[in-house]
Amino acid sequence: MEISLREVRAEDLDLFFAQMQDPEAARMAAFTPEDPADRGRFDAHWARVLASGDINRTVLADGVPAGHAAVYGPPGEREVTYWIGRGHWGRGVATAALRALLELVPERPLYARAAADNAGSLRVLSKCGFRVTGKGRGFAHARGEEIDEYVLTLDG
């Protein structure tokens, strides 16, 4: 399977919104918007994201949109994030997409956060060179409770 990244297009947003409606994916991601079904808030969020100047890409699996990946935040505190649709889980899409994203953004350190029980995401981040450097707790809207999360760092 060929994994590539391209600029986010307006037509990608419908897919991203639909992916957020998947209860299993939302539970794994944990830290979702308060109301992921609110399309108005979703569209306003993405308008801000796309206007921000941060690195945001659509992930393509064999030319078909499979999710998105981004690097955001101020210099010295930049974080990576990604969301891959459940139909693409377990096939190396997230790992290949994150590696491609890291090639676009050479600055280090970069950070990531993941729910402590999100083994898949923690595995992807580890394969890409991130290491756990901290632990915290945060309110996970998708679970309706405070949960443990790991902070990971990718050094130069």
N, C-alpha and C. Protein backbone atom coordinates (compact mmCIF):
# COMPACT_ATOMS: atom_id res chain seq x y z
N MET A 1 0.84 -1.17 0.00
CA MET A 1 0.00 0.00 0.00
C MET A 1 0.89 1.24 0.00
N GLU A 2 0.54 2.19 -0.80
CA GLU A 2 1.30 3.45 -0.87
C GLU A 2 0.62 4.50 0.00
N ILE A 3 1.39 5.06 0.94
CA ILE A 3 0.89 6.09 1.83
C ILE A 3 1.55 7.41 1.46
N SER A 4 0.75 8.45 1.30
CA SER A 4 1.28 9.77 0.98
C SER A 4 0.45 10.83 1.70
N LEU A 5 0.97 12.04 1.69
CA LEU A 5 0.30 13.19 2.31
C LEU A 5 0.08 14.25 1.25
N ARG A 6 -1.01 14.99 1.37
CA ARG A 6 -1.25 16.15 0.53
C ARG A 6 -1.95 17.22 1.35
N GLU A 7 -2.01 18.41 0.81
CA GLU A 7 -2.72 19.50 1.48
C GLU A 7 -4.17 19.09 1.72
N VAL A 8 -4.72 19.54 2.82
CA VAL A 8 -6.13 19.28 3.13
C VAL A 8 -6.99 20.09 2.16
N ARG A 9 -7.99 19.44 1.60
CA ARG A 9 -8.96 20.08 0.70
C ARG A 9 -10.31 20.17 1.40
N ALA A 10 -11.11 21.11 0.97
CA ALA A 10 -12.44 21.29 1.57
C ALA A 10 -13.25 20.00 1.54
N GLU A 11 -13.13 19.24 0.46
CA GLU A 11 -13.93 18.01 0.35
C GLU A 11 -13.46 16.93 1.33
N ASP A 12 -12.27 17.06 1.90
CA ASP A 12 -11.79 16.09 2.89
C ASP A 12 -12.53 16.22 4.22
N LEU A 13 -13.06 17.39 4.49
CA LEU A 13 -13.66 17.65 5.80
C LEU A 13 -14.86 16.76 6.08
N ASP A 14 -15.63 16.40 5.06
CA ASP A 14 -16.76 15.50 5.29
C ASP A 14 -16.27 14.15 5.82
N LEU A 15 -15.18 13.65 5.26
CA LEU A 15 -14.61 12.39 5.73
C LEU A 15 -14.11 12.53 7.17
N PHE A 16 -13.38 13.60 7.46
CA PHE A 16 -12.85 13.80 8.80
C PHE A 16 -13.99 13.85 9.82
N PHE A 17 -15.07 14.55 9.45
CA PHE A 17 -16.23 14.64 10.34
C PHE A 17 -16.85 13.26 10.55
N ALA A 18 -17.02 12.51 9.48
CA ALA A 18 -17.60 11.17 9.58
C ALA A 18 -16.73 10.27 10.46
N GLN A 19 -15.42 10.37 10.32
CA GLN A 19 -14.53 9.54 11.13
C GLN A 19 -14.69 9.83 12.62
N MET A 20 -14.95 11.08 12.96
CA MET A 20 -15.13 11.44 14.37
C MET A 20 -16.42 10.87 14.96
N GLN A 21 -17.33 10.43 14.11
CA GLN A 21 -18.61 9.89 14.58
C GLN A 21 -18.49 8.41 14.94
N ASP A 22 -17.36 7.79 14.63
CA ASP A 22 -17.13 6.37 14.93
C ASP A 22 -16.88 6.22 16.43
N PRO A 23 -17.79 5.61 17.17
CA PRO A 23 -17.63 5.53 18.63
C PRO A 23 -16.36 4.81 19.07
N GLU A 24 -15.96 3.75 18.38
CA GLU A 24 -14.76 3.02 18.78
C GLU A 24 -13.51 3.87 18.55
N ALA A 25 -13.45 4.55 17.42
CA ALA A 25 -12.31 5.42 17.13
C ALA A 25 -12.25 6.58 18.12
N ALA A 26 -13.39 7.16 18.42
CA ALA A 26 -13.43 8.27 19.37
C ALA A 26 -12.98 7.80 20.76
N ARG A 27 -13.41 6.62 21.16
CA ARG A 27 -12.99 6.09 22.46
C ARG A 27 -11.48 5.92 22.52
N MET A 28 -10.90 5.40 21.43
CA MET A 28 -9.45 5.22 21.40
C MET A 28 -8.74 6.57 21.46
N ALA A 29 -9.20 7.52 20.67
CA ALA A 29 -8.58 8.84 20.66
C ALA A 29 -8.77 9.53 22.01
N ALA A 30 -9.92 9.34 22.60
CA ALA A 30 -10.28 9.83 23.94
C ALA A 30 -10.46 11.34 24.01
N PHE A 31 -9.46 12.08 23.60
CA PHE A 31 -9.48 13.54 23.75
C PHE A 31 -10.07 14.17 22.48
N THR A 32 -11.38 14.14 22.43
CA THR A 32 -12.14 14.63 21.29
C THR A 32 -12.86 15.91 21.68
N PRO A 33 -13.50 16.57 20.71
CA PRO A 33 -14.32 17.73 21.08
C PRO A 33 -15.46 17.30 22.02
N GLU A 34 -15.96 18.25 22.77
CA GLU A 34 -17.05 17.97 23.71
C GLU A 34 -18.25 17.35 23.00
N ASP A 35 -18.59 17.89 21.84
CA ASP A 35 -19.71 17.36 21.06
C ASP A 35 -19.24 17.13 19.63
N PRO A 36 -18.69 15.95 19.34
CA PRO A 36 -18.16 15.71 18.00
C PRO A 36 -19.22 15.71 16.90
N ALA A 37 -20.50 15.65 17.27
CA ALA A 37 -21.58 15.67 16.27
C ALA A 37 -21.98 17.09 15.88
N ASP A 38 -21.39 18.10 16.51
CA ASP A 38 -21.72 19.50 16.20
C ASP A 38 -20.94 19.94 14.97
N ARG A 39 -21.57 19.88 13.81
CA ARG A 39 -20.88 20.19 12.55
C ARG A 39 -20.46 21.65 12.47
N GLY A 40 -21.24 22.54 13.04
CA GLY A 40 -20.87 23.96 13.03
C GLY A 40 -19.56 24.20 13.77
N ARG A 41 -19.42 23.61 14.94
CA ARG A 41 -18.17 23.75 15.70
C ARG A 41 -17.01 23.08 14.98
N PHE A 42 -17.28 21.92 14.39
CA PHE A 42 -16.26 21.21 13.62
C PHE A 42 -15.75 22.10 12.48
N ASP A 43 -16.68 22.68 11.70
CA ASP A 43 -16.29 23.53 10.58
C ASP A 43 -15.53 24.77 11.04
N ALA A 44 -15.97 25.37 12.15
CA ALA A 44 -15.27 26.54 12.69
C ALA A 44 -13.86 26.15 13.14
N HIS A 45 -13.73 24.99 13.78
CA HIS A 45 -12.41 24.51 14.21
C HIS A 45 -11.50 24.33 13.00
N TRP A 46 -11.98 23.65 11.96
CA TRP A 46 -11.14 23.42 10.79
C TRP A 46 -10.82 24.70 10.04
N ALA A 47 -11.71 25.68 10.06
CA ALA A 47 -11.40 26.98 9.44
C ALA A 47 -10.22 27.61 10.16
N ARG A 48 -10.21 27.54 11.49
CA ARG A 48 -9.08 28.08 12.27
C ARG A 48 -7.81 27.28 12.00
N VAL A 49 -7.94 25.96 11.98
CA VAL A 49 -6.78 25.09 11.74
C VAL A 49 -6.14 25.40 10.40
N LEU A 50 -6.95 25.50 9.37
CA LEU A 50 -6.40 25.71 8.03
C LEU A 50 -5.86 27.11 7.83
N ALA A 51 -6.33 28.07 8.62
CA ALA A 51 -5.83 29.44 8.54
C ALA A 51 -4.60 29.66 9.41
N SER A 52 -4.25 28.68 10.24
CA SER A 52 -3.22 28.87 11.26
C SER A 52 -1.79 28.90 10.73
N GLY A 53 -1.55 28.32 9.57
CA GLY A 53 -0.18 28.21 9.10
C GLY A 53 0.53 26.98 9.62
N ASP A 54 -0.13 26.20 10.47
CA ASP A 54 0.45 24.93 10.94
C ASP A 54 0.46 23.94 9.78
N ILE A 55 1.16 22.84 9.97
CA ILE A 55 1.27 21.80 8.94
C ILE A 55 0.10 20.83 9.12
N ASN A 56 -0.83 20.82 8.17
CA ASN A 56 -1.99 19.93 8.19
C ASN A 56 -2.05 19.21 6.86
N ARG A 57 -2.15 17.89 6.92
CA ARG A 57 -2.15 17.09 5.69
C ARG A 57 -3.24 16.03 5.74
N THR A 58 -3.77 15.75 4.57
CA THR A 58 -4.65 14.60 4.40
C THR A 58 -3.77 13.39 4.14
N VAL A 59 -4.06 12.29 4.81
CA VAL A 59 -3.33 11.04 4.62
C VAL A 59 -4.05 10.26 3.52
N LEU A 60 -3.28 9.85 2.52
CA LEU A 60 -3.83 9.05 1.41
C LEU A 60 -3.27 7.64 1.49
N ALA A 61 -4.14 6.66 1.37
CA ALA A 61 -3.75 5.25 1.30
C ALA A 61 -4.13 4.78 -0.11
N ASP A 62 -3.12 4.51 -0.92
CA ASP A 62 -3.35 4.17 -2.33
C ASP A 62 -4.22 5.23 -3.02
N GLY A 63 -3.95 6.49 -2.69
CA GLY A 63 -4.63 7.61 -3.33
C GLY A 63 -5.98 7.97 -2.76
N VAL A 64 -6.46 7.23 -1.77
CA VAL A 64 -7.78 7.47 -1.18
C VAL A 64 -7.59 8.09 0.21
N PRO A 65 -8.30 9.19 0.52
CA PRO A 65 -8.16 9.77 1.85
C PRO A 65 -8.49 8.77 2.95
N ALA A 66 -7.58 8.69 3.93
CA ALA A 66 -7.73 7.74 5.04
C ALA A 66 -7.77 8.45 6.39
N GLY A 67 -7.48 9.74 6.42
CA GLY A 67 -7.44 10.48 7.68
C GLY A 67 -6.61 11.73 7.52
N HIS A 68 -6.09 12.23 8.62
CA HIS A 68 -5.28 13.45 8.57
C HIS A 68 -4.17 13.39 9.62
N ALA A 69 -3.15 14.22 9.40
CA ALA A 69 -2.01 14.31 10.31
C ALA A 69 -1.56 15.77 10.34
N ALA A 70 -1.04 16.21 11.48
CA ALA A 70 -0.67 17.62 11.61
C ALA A 70 0.45 17.81 12.63
N VAL A 71 1.12 18.93 12.48
CA VAL A 71 2.05 19.45 13.50
C VAL A 71 1.56 20.86 13.79
N TYR A 72 1.36 21.15 15.07
CA TYR A 72 0.80 22.45 15.45
C TYR A 72 1.45 22.96 16.72
N GLY A 73 1.24 24.24 16.97
CA GLY A 73 1.71 24.84 18.21
C GLY A 73 2.90 25.76 18.00
N PRO A 74 3.27 26.47 19.05
CA PRO A 74 4.38 27.42 18.96
C PRO A 74 5.73 26.69 18.90
N PRO A 75 6.74 27.34 18.32
CA PRO A 75 8.07 26.73 18.28
C PRO A 75 8.52 26.30 19.67
N GLY A 76 9.17 25.15 19.72
CA GLY A 76 9.64 24.61 20.98
C GLY A 76 8.58 23.82 21.74
N GLU A 77 7.32 23.94 21.31
CA GLU A 77 6.22 23.22 21.97
C GLU A 77 5.35 22.49 20.96
N ARG A 78 5.83 22.35 19.74
CA ARG A 78 4.99 21.79 18.67
C ARG A 78 4.66 20.32 18.91
N GLU A 79 3.41 19.98 18.62
CA GLU A 79 2.91 18.62 18.82
C GLU A 79 2.46 18.02 17.51
N VAL A 80 2.53 16.71 17.43
CA VAL A 80 1.97 15.99 16.30
C VAL A 80 0.61 15.43 16.72
N THR A 81 -0.25 15.29 15.76
CA THR A 81 -1.54 14.66 15.96
C THR A 81 -1.93 13.97 14.67
N TYR A 82 -2.74 12.94 14.77
CA TYR A 82 -3.21 12.26 13.57
C TYR A 82 -4.50 11.53 13.91
N TRP A 83 -5.29 11.29 12.89
CA TRP A 83 -6.51 10.51 13.02
C TRP A 83 -6.63 9.69 11.74
N ILE A 84 -6.63 8.40 11.89
CA ILE A 84 -6.77 7.48 10.75
C ILE A 84 -8.07 6.73 10.92
N GLY A 85 -8.87 6.67 9.86
CA GLY A 85 -10.14 5.97 9.91
C GLY A 85 -9.96 4.51 10.27
N ARG A 86 -10.91 3.98 11.03
CA ARG A 86 -10.79 2.62 11.57
C ARG A 86 -10.61 1.56 10.48
N GLY A 87 -11.15 1.79 9.30
CA GLY A 87 -10.98 0.83 8.22
C GLY A 87 -9.54 0.65 7.78
N HIS A 88 -8.67 1.55 8.22
CA HIS A 88 -7.25 1.50 7.85
C HIS A 88 -6.36 1.09 9.02
N TRP A 89 -6.95 0.80 10.17
CA TRP A 89 -6.16 0.43 11.34
C TRP A 89 -5.46 -0.91 11.10
N GLY A 90 -4.29 -1.05 11.72
CA GLY A 90 -3.57 -2.32 11.70
C GLY A 90 -2.89 -2.63 10.38
N ARG A 91 -2.77 -1.64 9.50
CA ARG A 91 -2.17 -1.86 8.19
C ARG A 91 -0.93 -0.99 7.95
N GLY A 92 -0.46 -0.32 9.00
CA GLY A 92 0.74 0.50 8.88
C GLY A 92 0.51 1.90 8.35
N VAL A 93 -0.75 2.27 8.15
CA VAL A 93 -1.07 3.59 7.58
C VAL A 93 -0.63 4.72 8.51
N ALA A 94 -0.97 4.62 9.79
CA ALA A 94 -0.63 5.68 10.73
C ALA A 94 0.89 5.85 10.85
N THR A 95 1.60 4.74 10.94
CA THR A 95 3.06 4.81 11.07
C THR A 95 3.68 5.45 9.83
N ALA A 96 3.27 5.02 8.65
CA ALA A 96 3.82 5.59 7.42
C ALA A 96 3.45 7.06 7.28
N ALA A 97 2.23 7.41 7.66
CA ALA A 97 1.81 8.81 7.56
C ALA A 97 2.61 9.69 8.53
N LEU A 98 2.80 9.20 9.76
CA LEU A 98 3.56 9.99 10.73
C LEU A 98 5.02 10.14 10.27
N ARG A 99 5.60 9.09 9.75
CA ARG A 99 6.98 9.19 9.24
C ARG A 99 7.06 10.23 8.12
N ALA A 100 6.10 10.23 7.22
CA ALA A 100 6.09 11.21 6.13
C ALA A 100 5.93 12.62 6.68
N LEU A 101 5.08 12.78 7.68
CA LEU A 101 4.89 14.09 8.30
C LEU A 101 6.17 14.58 8.96
N LEU A 102 6.87 13.68 9.64
CA LEU A 102 8.11 14.05 10.32
C LEU A 102 9.20 14.46 9.33
N GLU A 103 9.15 13.93 8.12
CA GLU A 103 10.09 14.37 7.08
C GLU A 103 9.79 15.80 6.63
N LEU A 104 8.52 16.20 6.67
CA LEU A 104 8.13 17.57 6.29
C LEU A 104 8.54 18.60 7.33
N VAL A 105 8.64 18.16 8.57
CA VAL A 105 8.89 19.07 9.69
C VAL A 105 10.17 18.62 10.40
N PRO A 106 11.32 19.17 10.00
CA PRO A 106 12.59 18.72 10.57
C PRO A 106 12.89 19.24 11.98
N GLU A 107 12.14 20.24 12.45
CA GLU A 107 12.47 20.80 13.76
C GLU A 107 12.23 19.76 14.87
N ARG A 108 13.05 19.83 15.88
CA ARG A 108 12.95 18.98 17.04
C ARG A 108 13.25 19.83 18.26
N PRO A 109 12.73 19.56 19.40
CA PRO A 109 11.88 18.42 19.68
C PRO A 109 10.46 18.63 19.17
N LEU A 110 9.75 17.51 19.01
CA LEU A 110 8.32 17.50 18.76
C LEU A 110 7.70 16.65 19.87
N TYR A 111 6.45 16.94 20.16
CA TYR A 111 5.76 16.25 21.24
C TYR A 111 4.50 15.58 20.72
N ALA A 112 3.99 14.65 21.50
CA ALA A 112 2.72 13.99 21.21
C ALA A 112 2.08 13.62 22.54
N ARG A 113 0.79 13.43 22.50
CA ARG A 113 0.05 12.98 23.68
C ARG A 113 -0.85 11.83 23.24
N ALA A 114 -1.02 10.88 24.12
CA ALA A 114 -1.90 9.75 23.82
C ALA A 114 -2.49 9.23 25.11
N ALA A 115 -3.72 8.77 25.02
CA ALA A 115 -4.33 8.10 26.17
C ALA A 115 -3.41 6.95 26.56
N ALA A 116 -3.20 6.78 27.84
CA ALA A 116 -2.26 5.76 28.33
C ALA A 116 -2.66 4.35 27.91
N ASP A 117 -3.93 4.12 27.64
CA ASP A 117 -4.39 2.80 27.22
C ASP A 117 -4.56 2.66 25.71
N ASN A 118 -4.11 3.66 24.96
CA ASN A 118 -4.22 3.60 23.50
C ASN A 118 -2.95 2.94 22.95
N ALA A 119 -2.91 1.62 23.05
CA ALA A 119 -1.71 0.85 22.67
C ALA A 119 -1.34 1.07 21.21
N GLY A 120 -2.32 1.17 20.34
CA GLY A 120 -2.03 1.36 18.91
C GLY A 120 -1.30 2.65 18.65
N SER A 121 -1.79 3.74 19.20
CA SER A 121 -1.15 5.03 18.99
C SER A 121 0.22 5.08 19.65
N LEU A 122 0.33 4.51 20.83
CA LEU A 122 1.63 4.49 21.49
C LEU A 122 2.65 3.68 20.68
N ARG A 123 2.20 2.61 20.04
CA ARG A 123 3.08 1.80 19.19
C ARG A 123 3.52 2.60 17.96
N VAL A 124 2.59 3.31 17.33
CA VAL A 124 2.93 4.14 16.17
C VAL A 124 3.98 5.18 16.55
N LEU A 125 3.73 5.88 17.65
CA LEU A 125 4.66 6.93 18.08
C LEU A 125 6.03 6.35 18.40
N SER A 126 6.08 5.20 19.06
CA SER A 126 7.35 4.55 19.38
C SER A 126 8.10 4.17 18.11
N LYS A 127 7.41 3.60 17.14
CA LYS A 127 8.05 3.21 15.87
C LYS A 127 8.65 4.42 15.16
N CYS A 128 8.10 5.59 15.41
CA CYS A 128 8.59 6.81 14.76
C CYS A 128 9.61 7.55 15.62
N GLY A 129 10.04 6.95 16.72
CA GLY A 129 11.12 7.52 17.51
C GLY A 129 10.71 8.31 18.74
N PHE A 130 9.42 8.44 19.00
CA PHE A 130 8.97 9.15 20.20
C PHE A 130 9.18 8.25 21.41
N ARG A 131 9.47 8.88 22.54
CA ARG A 131 9.61 8.13 23.79
C ARG A 131 8.78 8.82 24.87
N VAL A 132 8.26 8.04 25.77
CA VAL A 132 7.44 8.58 26.86
C VAL A 132 8.34 9.40 27.77
N THR A 133 7.94 10.65 28.01
CA THR A 133 8.72 11.55 28.87
C THR A 133 7.89 12.13 30.00
N GLY A 134 6.61 11.81 30.02
CA GLY A 134 5.77 12.33 31.09
C GLY A 134 4.42 11.65 31.11
N LYS A 135 3.72 11.89 32.19
CA LYS A 135 2.40 11.33 32.36
C LYS A 135 1.52 12.39 33.00
N GLY A 136 0.28 12.41 32.61
CA GLY A 136 -0.65 13.36 33.20
C GLY A 136 -2.05 12.78 33.19
N ARG A 137 -2.99 13.63 33.53
CA ARG A 137 -4.40 13.26 33.48
C ARG A 137 -5.14 14.38 32.78
N GLY A 138 -6.16 14.01 32.06
CA GLY A 138 -6.97 15.00 31.38
C GLY A 138 -8.37 14.48 31.17
N PHE A 139 -9.31 15.40 30.97
CA PHE A 139 -10.69 15.00 30.76
C PHE A 139 -10.86 14.55 29.31
N ALA A 140 -11.31 13.33 29.14
CA ALA A 140 -11.52 12.74 27.82
C ALA A 140 -13.02 12.80 27.51
N HIS A 141 -13.40 13.72 26.65
CA HIS A 141 -14.82 13.88 26.32
C HIS A 141 -15.42 12.60 25.76
N ALA A 142 -14.65 11.87 24.96
CA ALA A 142 -15.18 10.65 24.33
C ALA A 142 -15.49 9.57 25.36
N ARG A 143 -14.92 9.71 26.55
CA ARG A 143 -15.16 8.71 27.60
C ARG A 143 -15.95 9.28 28.77
N GLY A 144 -16.09 10.59 28.79
CA GLY A 144 -16.86 11.23 29.85
C GLY A 144 -16.20 11.17 31.21
N GLU A 145 -14.86 11.07 31.22
CA GLU A 145 -14.14 11.00 32.50
C GLU A 145 -12.69 11.43 32.32
N GLU A 146 -12.05 11.69 33.44
CA GLU A 146 -10.63 12.00 33.44
C GLU A 146 -9.85 10.70 33.31
N ILE A 147 -8.83 10.71 32.44
CA ILE A 147 -8.03 9.49 32.23
C ILE A 147 -6.54 9.83 32.22
N ASP A 148 -5.72 8.80 32.31
CA ASP A 148 -4.28 8.97 32.23
C ASP A 148 -3.87 9.17 30.77
N GLU A 149 -2.88 10.00 30.60
CA GLU A 149 -2.30 10.19 29.26
C GLU A 149 -0.79 10.25 29.38
N TYR A 150 -0.12 9.87 28.30
CA TYR A 150 1.33 9.98 28.22
C TYR A 150 1.70 11.15 27.34
N VAL A 151 2.78 11.81 27.74
CA VAL A 151 3.42 12.83 26.90
C VAL A 151 4.65 12.15 26.32
N LEU A 152 4.82 12.29 25.02
CA LEU A 152 5.97 11.67 24.33
C LEU A 152 6.77 12.76 23.64
N THR A 153 8.07 12.49 23.49
CA THR A 153 8.97 13.46 22.89
C THR A 153 9.79 12.79 21.79
N LEU A 154 9.97 13.52 20.72
CA LEU A 154 10.89 13.13 19.64
C LEU A 154 12.00 14.15 19.63
N ASP A 155 13.19 13.73 20.06
CA ASP A 155 14.34 14.64 20.08
C ASP A 155 15.07 14.59 18.75
N GLY A 156 15.99 15.55 18.59
CA GLY A 156 16.79 15.65 17.36
C GLY A 156 17.71 14.52 17.22
